């Protein structure tokens, strides 16, 4: 059994449940539901795989992503609310994540430049060094996740996922502007 078979096997229970639901609810969209469940399943498996790769560094995907959001920012510093938005984490969760990263010496909380009462989270020199150390590991991980795709398939997958993101962004904006009923 190869890796592709194992992934298909890990999704077969979900497919069986979707098929049963369709038999019970004739208007149930098998195709849309399967795509939604596949997206969630791929995200879960990818996160589990990334967490395994990051475990020797005492990190998980959430903490790594937080470090990378700081790394990808000019000056390697963001306010906690900006960091929460950039990382996709809730503001209360970003406080806990930053506490953990501060305790490891990977980030620092410093006074804001414009307003010393404000706090910004800044990547430390240890955090920068760890990101550089992690890049071969993460490059290998991404190769494991996407290595079976051709360049054309990767481009098509990106195009389709960006199309879905744009649709969801529009839908969220429309829903948030609707009056509450």
Protein backbone atom coordinates (compact mmCIF):
# COMPACT_ATOMS: atom_id res chain seq x y z
CA UNK A 1 0.00 0.00 0.00
CA UNK A 2 1.52 3.37 -1.01
CA UNK A 3 1.03 6.82 0.58
CA UNK A 4 -1.77 7.72 -1.85
CA UNK A 5 -3.73 4.60 -0.87
CA UNK A 6 -3.37 5.46 2.82
CA UNK A 7 -4.75 8.96 2.24
CA UNK A 8 -7.66 7.54 0.24
CA UNK A 9 -8.29 5.01 3.04
CA UNK A 10 -8.30 7.72 5.70
CA UNK A 11 -11.08 9.47 3.78
CA UNK A 12 -13.19 6.42 2.93
CA UNK A 13 -15.27 6.60 6.13
CA UNK A 14 -16.22 10.20 5.33
CA UNK A 15 -17.16 9.20 1.78
CA UNK A 16 -19.37 6.39 3.08
CA UNK A 17 -21.15 8.82 5.42
CA UNK A 18 -21.65 11.30 2.60
CA UNK A 19 -23.16 8.54 0.42
CA UNK A 20 -25.50 7.48 3.25
CA UNK A 21 -26.58 11.06 3.80
CA UNK A 22 -27.33 11.40 0.07
CA UNK A 23 -29.58 8.34 0.21
CA UNK A 24 -31.48 9.89 3.13
CA UNK A 25 -31.56 13.43 1.69
CA UNK A 26 -32.01 13.28 -2.10
CA UNK A 27 -31.19 16.99 -2.61
CA UNK A 28 -27.97 16.71 -0.59
CA UNK A 29 -24.97 17.87 -2.68
CA UNK A 30 -22.48 15.02 -2.71
CA UNK A 31 -19.97 16.89 -4.85
CA UNK A 32 -19.93 20.08 -2.76
CA UNK A 33 -19.89 18.17 0.51
CA UNK A 34 -17.10 15.87 -0.68
CA UNK A 35 -14.98 18.88 -1.70
CA UNK A 36 -15.60 20.58 1.65
CA UNK A 37 -14.75 17.43 3.60
CA UNK A 38 -11.67 16.76 1.44
CA UNK A 39 -10.42 20.31 2.12
CA UNK A 40 -10.85 19.83 5.84
CA UNK A 41 -9.29 16.35 5.74
CA UNK A 42 -6.27 17.58 3.75
CA UNK A 43 -5.82 20.46 6.20
CA UNK A 44 -5.96 18.06 9.16
CA UNK A 45 -3.47 15.61 7.63
CA UNK A 46 -1.13 18.42 6.56
CA UNK A 47 -1.21 19.94 10.03
CA UNK A 48 -0.53 16.57 11.67
CA UNK A 49 2.40 15.97 9.31
CA UNK A 50 3.80 19.46 9.93
CA UNK A 51 3.47 19.03 13.69
CA UNK A 52 5.51 15.82 13.46
CA UNK A 53 8.24 17.63 11.51
CA UNK A 54 8.26 20.54 13.99
CA UNK A 55 8.18 18.44 17.18
CA UNK A 56 12.01 18.12 17.44
CA UNK A 57 12.14 21.94 17.55
CA UNK A 58 9.49 22.15 20.31
CA UNK A 59 7.10 23.90 17.91
CA UNK A 60 3.79 23.13 16.29
CA UNK A 61 2.27 24.48 13.09
CA UNK A 62 0.47 27.31 14.89
CA UNK A 63 3.65 28.59 16.57
CA UNK A 64 5.66 28.12 13.36
CA UNK A 65 3.05 30.03 11.36
CA UNK A 66 3.16 32.84 13.92
CA UNK A 67 6.95 33.04 13.60
CA UNK A 68 6.67 33.06 9.81
CA UNK A 69 4.12 35.90 9.85
CA UNK A 70 6.63 37.97 11.82
CA UNK A 71 9.47 36.88 9.52
CA UNK A 72 7.51 37.94 6.44
CA UNK A 73 6.82 41.40 7.85
CA UNK A 74 9.07 44.41 7.30
CA UNK A 75 11.07 44.85 10.49
CA UNK A 76 9.88 41.46 11.82
CA UNK A 77 7.40 43.12 14.21
CA UNK A 78 3.63 43.39 14.50
CA UNK A 79 1.11 44.43 17.11
CA UNK A 80 -0.68 41.48 18.71
CA UNK A 81 -3.89 42.32 16.82
CA UNK A 82 -2.01 42.55 13.50
CA UNK A 83 -0.31 39.24 14.28
CA UNK A 84 -3.66 37.62 15.04
CA UNK A 85 -5.05 38.86 11.71
CA UNK A 86 -1.94 37.78 9.78
CA UNK A 87 -1.82 34.31 11.34
CA UNK A 88 -5.57 33.67 11.29
CA UNK A 89 -5.60 33.08 15.04
CA UNK A 90 -8.04 34.59 17.52
CA UNK A 91 -6.62 37.46 19.55
CA UNK A 92 -6.96 35.55 22.80
CA UNK A 93 -5.07 32.62 21.28
CA UNK A 94 -2.30 34.84 19.91
CA UNK A 95 -1.58 36.02 23.48
CA UNK A 96 -1.03 32.42 24.58
CA UNK A 97 1.08 31.66 21.50
CA UNK A 98 3.23 34.75 22.08
CA UNK A 99 3.62 33.83 25.76
CA UNK A 100 4.98 30.43 24.69
CA UNK A 101 7.28 31.91 22.04
CA UNK A 102 8.53 34.57 24.50
CA UNK A 103 9.29 31.86 27.07
CA UNK A 104 11.40 30.08 24.42
CA UNK A 105 13.19 33.32 23.56
CA UNK A 106 11.93 33.29 19.96
CA UNK A 107 9.95 36.54 20.15
CA UNK A 108 10.05 39.62 22.35
CA UNK A 109 7.38 42.06 23.41
CA UNK A 110 8.63 45.62 23.04
CA UNK A 111 7.12 49.08 23.37
CA UNK A 112 5.64 50.50 20.18
CA UNK A 113 7.70 53.07 18.28
CA UNK A 114 4.91 55.64 17.87
CA UNK A 115 3.15 54.98 21.18
CA UNK A 116 5.23 53.55 24.01
CA UNK A 117 2.01 52.42 25.74
CA UNK A 118 1.38 49.99 22.86
CA UNK A 119 3.15 46.67 22.58
CA UNK A 120 4.55 45.01 19.50
CA UNK A 121 5.77 41.46 19.10
CA UNK A 122 9.19 41.24 17.51
CA UNK A 123 11.12 38.25 16.22
CA UNK A 124 14.27 37.77 18.32
CA UNK A 125 17.68 36.85 16.94
CA UNK A 126 17.05 33.30 18.23
CA UNK A 127 13.73 33.26 16.36
CA UNK A 128 15.45 34.39 13.15
CA UNK A 129 18.11 31.71 13.54
CA UNK A 130 15.49 29.02 14.16
CA UNK A 131 13.53 30.00 11.03
CA UNK A 132 16.70 29.67 8.97
CA UNK A 133 17.41 26.29 10.60
CA UNK A 134 13.86 25.11 9.89
CA UNK A 135 13.78 25.95 6.20
CA UNK A 136 15.31 22.67 4.94
CA UNK A 137 12.84 20.76 7.14
CA UNK A 138 9.86 22.77 5.89
CA UNK A 139 11.03 22.59 2.28
CA UNK A 140 11.14 18.80 2.60
CA UNK A 141 7.70 18.81 4.21
CA UNK A 142 6.22 20.84 1.37
CA UNK A 143 7.86 18.48 -1.09
CA UNK A 144 6.20 15.58 0.72
CA UNK A 145 2.83 17.34 0.59
CA UNK A 146 2.91 18.54 -3.02
CA UNK A 147 5.68 16.54 -4.71
CA UNK A 148 3.31 14.32 -6.70
CA UNK A 149 1.86 17.31 -8.57
CA UNK A 150 3.25 18.63 -11.82
CA UNK A 151 3.96 22.37 -12.15
CA UNK A 152 0.82 22.71 -14.29
CA UNK A 153 -1.27 20.89 -11.67
CA UNK A 154 0.10 23.09 -8.89
CA UNK A 155 -0.72 26.21 -10.90
CA UNK A 156 -4.24 24.94 -11.59
CA UNK A 157 -4.76 24.02 -7.94
CA UNK A 158 -3.59 27.50 -6.88
CA UNK A 159 -5.92 29.10 -9.43
CA UNK A 160 -8.90 27.07 -8.22
CA UNK A 161 -8.17 27.69 -4.55
CA UNK A 162 -7.73 31.43 -5.15
CA UNK A 163 -11.09 31.41 -6.95
CA UNK A 164 -12.64 29.75 -3.89
CA UNK A 165 -10.99 32.26 -1.53
CA UNK A 166 -12.32 35.18 -3.60
CA UNK A 167 -15.83 33.72 -3.53
CA UNK A 168 -15.68 33.14 0.23
CA UNK A 169 -14.33 36.68 0.79
CA UNK A 170 -17.27 38.12 -1.21
CA UNK A 171 -19.74 35.90 0.64
CA UNK A 172 -18.38 36.91 4.05
CA UNK A 173 -18.45 40.61 3.18
CA UNK A 174 -22.05 40.30 1.96
CA UNK A 175 -23.14 38.30 5.01
CA UNK A 176 -21.48 40.70 7.46
CA UNK A 177 -23.19 43.69 5.85
CA UNK A 178 -26.68 42.12 6.03
CA UNK A 179 -28.87 43.42 8.84
CA UNK A 180 -29.46 40.95 11.66
CA UNK A 181 -32.90 39.34 11.64
